[in-house]
Amino acid sequence: MRDCLIQEARTLIQLSQVQRITSVFFGGGTPSMASPLTIGAILDTISQRAHLAEGAEITLEANPTSADASHLADFQRAGVNRLSIGVQSLNDVDLKLLGRNHTASEALKTLEVAKRLFPGRTSVDLIFGLPGQTVTSWVQNLQKLLSMCDDHVSLYQLTLERGTSLFKQVHQGDLPVPDVDVVAEMYECARHILQDAGFRQYEVSNFARNGALSAHNLSYWQGSQYIGLGPGAHGRFVPWGDAKIHREARIQTLEPDVWMKEVLAFGHGTRKRTAQSKLDILEEVLMLGLRMDVGISHQHWDRFSPTCSLWDVFGESEEVKELEAQGLLFLDNRGLRCSWKGLAVLDTLLLMLLSRLQRAWAEKEEQSSGT
């Protein structure tokens, strides 16, 4: 596996012709179960093939059972300088329900070790909207974590994945899930609790204090190009090495054994490549950019759409004016962004905003073809 990851890194860095890499994120599955030597070897390969910026953020997702004290120190020596710990819950019943193989006690011990090794650079993940969970139990869970966590918290609503035991139990009616209004209240309570604790909600699901924002995630939400390595990884970049000029959405083969065979045969295990149109990229810029509290600046939008500004797309829209009047959205000299209230209902706003973008783009294309 290590040799294949190294080979795929070499191939895709060469294909992208990237010159400078500002962050690396080891995520998906449980990368902390990998050898620190593997992590170090991948970072060495990246440094050899491109300039790994000084002070680049190197994040490792850690499972509380596999990330013991000695392992975490080894990962630090290998080059990791930030941790994201999948705590998920501090309730053992919830953890069992989620199929996690760690306990709340193990999670807290791992968190303590992580904070000593990576002070100010340790993030924790929590999940809400669990079967049987109430607003009260969720708030207690969050407040307990806040008494011990570092400066970054990520909150995710439970997603039921087909094929899991939890999915089956819920759909058979064996387990009740909180209704939509209760889940919305959980999220809203969490936002206020985190705000009162000094955290800035800089993205829909992410909160930071003392400037501990995730550089890697910010780059992703800003629509930057990125390379995905390993089974099931996703990437977005222009394959200049193949004499291509359009950005591609790329997905690596999911099955590890098949992926390794493809890497050995072709140098990489890319299963699917989709050329992205200018509209595809703009839609991503809109959807991802509005997840951030700062939204999308005019300068940022113009990088992707120099001939069709935010004002051109949304300035005369009656729907946008209505959202502004409701206090959900701002369109001004800074750019386009959600209000505090708007961030909580972003999915609903995006339905309208994406539709407006698509109409404006079609009108622009029609005008261009008519001249």
Foldseek 3Di string as FASTA:
>chain_A
DLVLLLLLLLVVCLQQVDAEDQEAEADDDACLLDALVSLLSNVVSNVVSHPYDVVRAYEGEHELVSQDLVSVVSNVVSPHQAYEYALQWQCQVQCVLVVRPDHNVSSLNSQVSCCVRRPLRYEYEYEDQGFPDFLVNLVVGLVVCLVRHHFKYFYYYDDDDPPDPNNVCVVVVVTDTDDPVRRLVSLVVNVVVLVVSAWDQFFLGMTGHPPSDDPVLVCVLLLHWDDFTDAFTWTWGARVVVVGDFIKIWTFHHDRVQQSVCCVVPSGRTDDIDGADLLNSLLSNQLSQQRGQLRAFQVSSCVSPVPQTLCNQPVPDPVVVVCVVVQAWDADNRGIYGDPVNSSVVVVVSVVSSVSSVVSVVVVVVVVVVD
